[in-house]
Amino acid sequence: MKIRVIIKKLSNPRVRWRLKVGLSVWAAAILLGMAFKMTYDIGHFNAQTLKKDKNAGLAIGPPTLTIESAQRIVAGALREDPLNPKTVVTQVLDNNYKLSNILIDSNGLKKIAWIIDMRLFFIGDLFNDEGYNLTEGIEQQQNIPHSEH
């Protein structure tokens, strides 16, 4: 009995028109929402991909100074032949990517040298903010006689 009432009401052209308009608006709202959702998901996916690519390009930790890389820095700073250098890096004493101290051998003399920011080479006395000579301290630890530079 209720089905006949529903069919009778749907046969009215005014009800049919209102139903079509209502369903069309509802369908348009659903499609518009889906379009916004897909656009957001694509943009979010692209942003996450770019973020992952950027993070993958970064080093996992701070760079480490090896004897080979220290030798390249020293040879480049002193303008020596990298294949046959006169100044040889014998040991990396403190591997800090901001300020590393290395032990070099130049014509049989051992000296303490410094590499700053993994690119600048420095031989000489280095003092901390309290006036303590860091070069002398490391030379004493390594049993190297202090030489005037």
Protein backbone atom coordinates (compact mmCIF):
# COMPACT_ATOMS: atom_id res chain seq x y z
CA MET A 1 0.00 0.00 0.00
CA LYS A 2 2.79 2.42 0.75
CA ILE A 3 4.45 1.59 -2.55
CA ARG A 4 1.34 2.76 -4.46
CA VAL A 5 1.41 6.07 -2.59
CA ILE A 6 5.06 6.58 -3.46
CA ILE A 7 4.47 5.71 -7.12
CA LYS A 8 1.47 8.06 -7.27
CA LYS A 9 3.52 10.93 -5.81
CA LEU A 10 6.43 10.25 -8.20
CA SER A 11 4.11 10.37 -11.19
CA ASN A 12 3.42 14.03 -10.46
CA PRO A 13 5.63 16.16 -12.84
CA ARG A 14 6.38 18.78 -10.15
CA VAL A 15 7.67 16.11 -7.73
CA ARG A 16 9.66 14.49 -10.51
CA TRP A 17 11.30 17.84 -11.37
CA ARG A 18 12.19 18.57 -7.74
CA LEU A 19 13.61 15.06 -7.35
CA LYS A 20 15.79 15.47 -10.46
CA VAL A 21 17.07 18.84 -9.28
CA GLY A 22 17.76 17.54 -5.76
CA LEU A 23 19.57 14.43 -7.01
CA SER A 24 21.59 16.51 -9.50
CA VAL A 25 22.70 18.94 -6.78
CA TRP A 26 23.58 16.05 -4.49
CA ALA A 27 25.55 14.26 -7.27
CA ALA A 28 27.37 17.51 -8.16
CA ALA A 29 28.34 18.02 -4.51
CA ILE A 30 29.69 14.48 -4.31
CA LEU A 31 31.69 14.88 -7.54
CA LEU A 32 33.05 18.24 -6.41
CA GLY A 33 34.10 16.77 -3.06
CA MET A 34 35.79 13.84 -4.79
CA ALA A 35 37.64 16.24 -7.13
CA PHE A 36 38.89 18.29 -4.17
CA LYS A 37 39.92 15.13 -2.32
CA MET A 38 41.84 13.78 -5.33
CA THR A 39 43.56 17.14 -5.89
CA TYR A 40 44.57 17.31 -2.24
CA ASP A 41 45.84 13.71 -2.25
CA ILE A 42 47.90 14.27 -5.41
CA GLY A 43 49.38 17.49 -4.01
CA HIS A 44 50.09 15.84 -0.66
CA PHE A 45 51.71 12.86 -2.40
CA ASN A 46 53.91 15.15 -4.50
CA ALA A 47 54.88 17.18 -1.45
CA GLN A 48 55.80 14.03 0.49
CA THR A 49 57.84 12.77 -2.47
CA LEU A 50 59.73 16.06 -2.68
CA LYS A 51 60.31 15.97 1.06
CA LYS A 52 61.67 12.42 0.87
CA ASP A 53 63.90 13.34 -2.09
CA LYS A 54 65.24 16.35 -0.21
CA ASN A 55 65.91 14.25 2.90
CA ALA A 56 67.54 11.54 0.80
CA GLY A 57 69.91 14.13 -0.63
CA LEU A 58 71.07 15.16 2.81
CA ALA A 59 73.78 13.27 4.55
CA ILE A 60 72.57 10.92 7.24
CA GLY A 61 75.05 12.27 9.74
CA PRO A 62 77.82 14.82 9.79
CA PRO A 63 80.55 14.20 7.21
CA THR A 64 83.57 12.26 8.38
CA LEU A 65 87.14 13.10 7.58
CA THR A 66 89.22 10.18 6.36
CA ILE A 67 92.95 10.14 5.76
CA GLU A 68 92.33 10.16 2.00
CA SER A 69 89.99 13.15 2.09
CA ALA A 70 92.35 14.99 4.47
CA GLN A 71 95.21 14.27 2.06
CA ARG A 72 93.23 15.77 -0.83
CA ILE A 73 92.47 18.90 1.24
CA VAL A 74 96.13 19.29 2.28
CA ALA A 75 97.47 18.70 -1.24
CA GLY A 76 95.00 21.20 -2.67
CA ALA A 77 95.79 23.86 -0.05
CA LEU A 78 99.56 23.50 -0.46
CA ARG A 79 99.26 23.17 -4.26
CA GLU A 80 101.07 19.87 -4.27
CA ASP A 81 100.70 17.03 -6.70
CA PRO A 82 97.92 14.84 -5.22
CA LEU A 83 99.53 11.70 -6.64
CA ASN A 84 102.97 12.48 -5.20
CA PRO A 85 102.53 14.89 -2.26
CA LYS A 86 105.44 16.21 -0.21
CA THR A 87 103.22 16.66 2.84
CA VAL A 88 101.61 13.40 3.89
CA VAL A 89 98.68 13.04 6.29
CA THR A 90 99.62 10.24 8.66
CA GLN A 91 96.71 10.31 11.07
CA VAL A 92 93.37 12.00 11.70
CA LEU A 93 93.46 12.76 15.42
CA ASP A 94 90.05 14.31 16.03
CA ASN A 95 87.35 13.82 13.45
CA ASN A 96 85.03 16.77 13.95
CA TYR A 97 83.38 18.13 10.82
CA LYS A 98 83.78 21.74 12.04
CA LEU A 99 87.37 21.59 13.31
CA SER A 100 89.50 18.49 12.78
CA ASN A 101 93.10 18.12 13.82
CA ILE A 102 95.42 15.93 11.79
CA LEU A 103 99.00 14.77 12.04
CA ILE A 104 101.09 15.54 8.96
CA ASP A 105 104.60 14.54 7.99
CA SER A 106 106.51 17.13 5.98
CA ASN A 107 110.13 16.31 5.11
CA GLY A 108 110.44 14.06 8.14
CA LEU A 109 108.95 16.62 10.55
CA LYS A 110 105.69 15.74 12.23
CA LYS A 111 103.30 18.62 12.81
CA ILE A 112 99.78 19.15 13.99
CA ALA A 113 97.53 20.76 11.39
CA TRP A 114 93.89 21.77 11.37
CA ILE A 115 91.09 21.34 8.85
CA ILE A 116 88.25 23.79 9.31
CA ASP A 117 84.77 23.05 7.90
CA MET A 118 86.12 20.08 5.91
CA ARG A 119 87.81 22.42 3.41
CA LEU A 120 90.29 24.91 4.91
CA PHE A 121 93.79 23.80 5.88
CA PHE A 122 95.71 25.55 8.64
CA ILE A 123 99.16 24.92 10.16
CA GLY A 124 100.10 26.85 13.27
CA ASP A 125 99.13 27.50 16.83
CA LEU A 126 95.42 27.53 17.52
CA PHE A 127 94.14 29.03 20.76
CA ASN A 128 90.74 28.50 22.37
CA ASP A 129 88.68 31.31 23.90
CA GLU A 130 90.46 30.89 27.26
CA GLY A 131 93.90 31.38 25.73
CA TYR A 132 94.94 27.72 25.90
CA ASN A 133 97.19 26.66 23.01
CA LEU A 134 95.36 23.70 21.50
CA THR A 135 98.22 22.83 19.16
CA GLU A 136 100.72 22.52 22.01
CA GLY A 137 98.30 20.38 24.01
CA ILE A 138 97.84 17.92 21.15
CA GLU A 139 101.58 17.89 20.43
CA GLN A 140 102.17 16.91 24.07
CA GLN A 141 99.55 14.17 23.85
CA GLN A 142 101.16 12.77 20.69
CA ASN A 143 104.76 13.23 21.99
CA ILE A 144 105.70 15.58 19.15
CA PRO A 145 108.28 18.29 19.91
CA HIS A 146 106.77 21.76 19.53
CA SER A 147 108.29 23.53 16.54
CA GLU A 148 107.98 27.25 15.85
CA HIS A 149 106.09 27.69 12.60
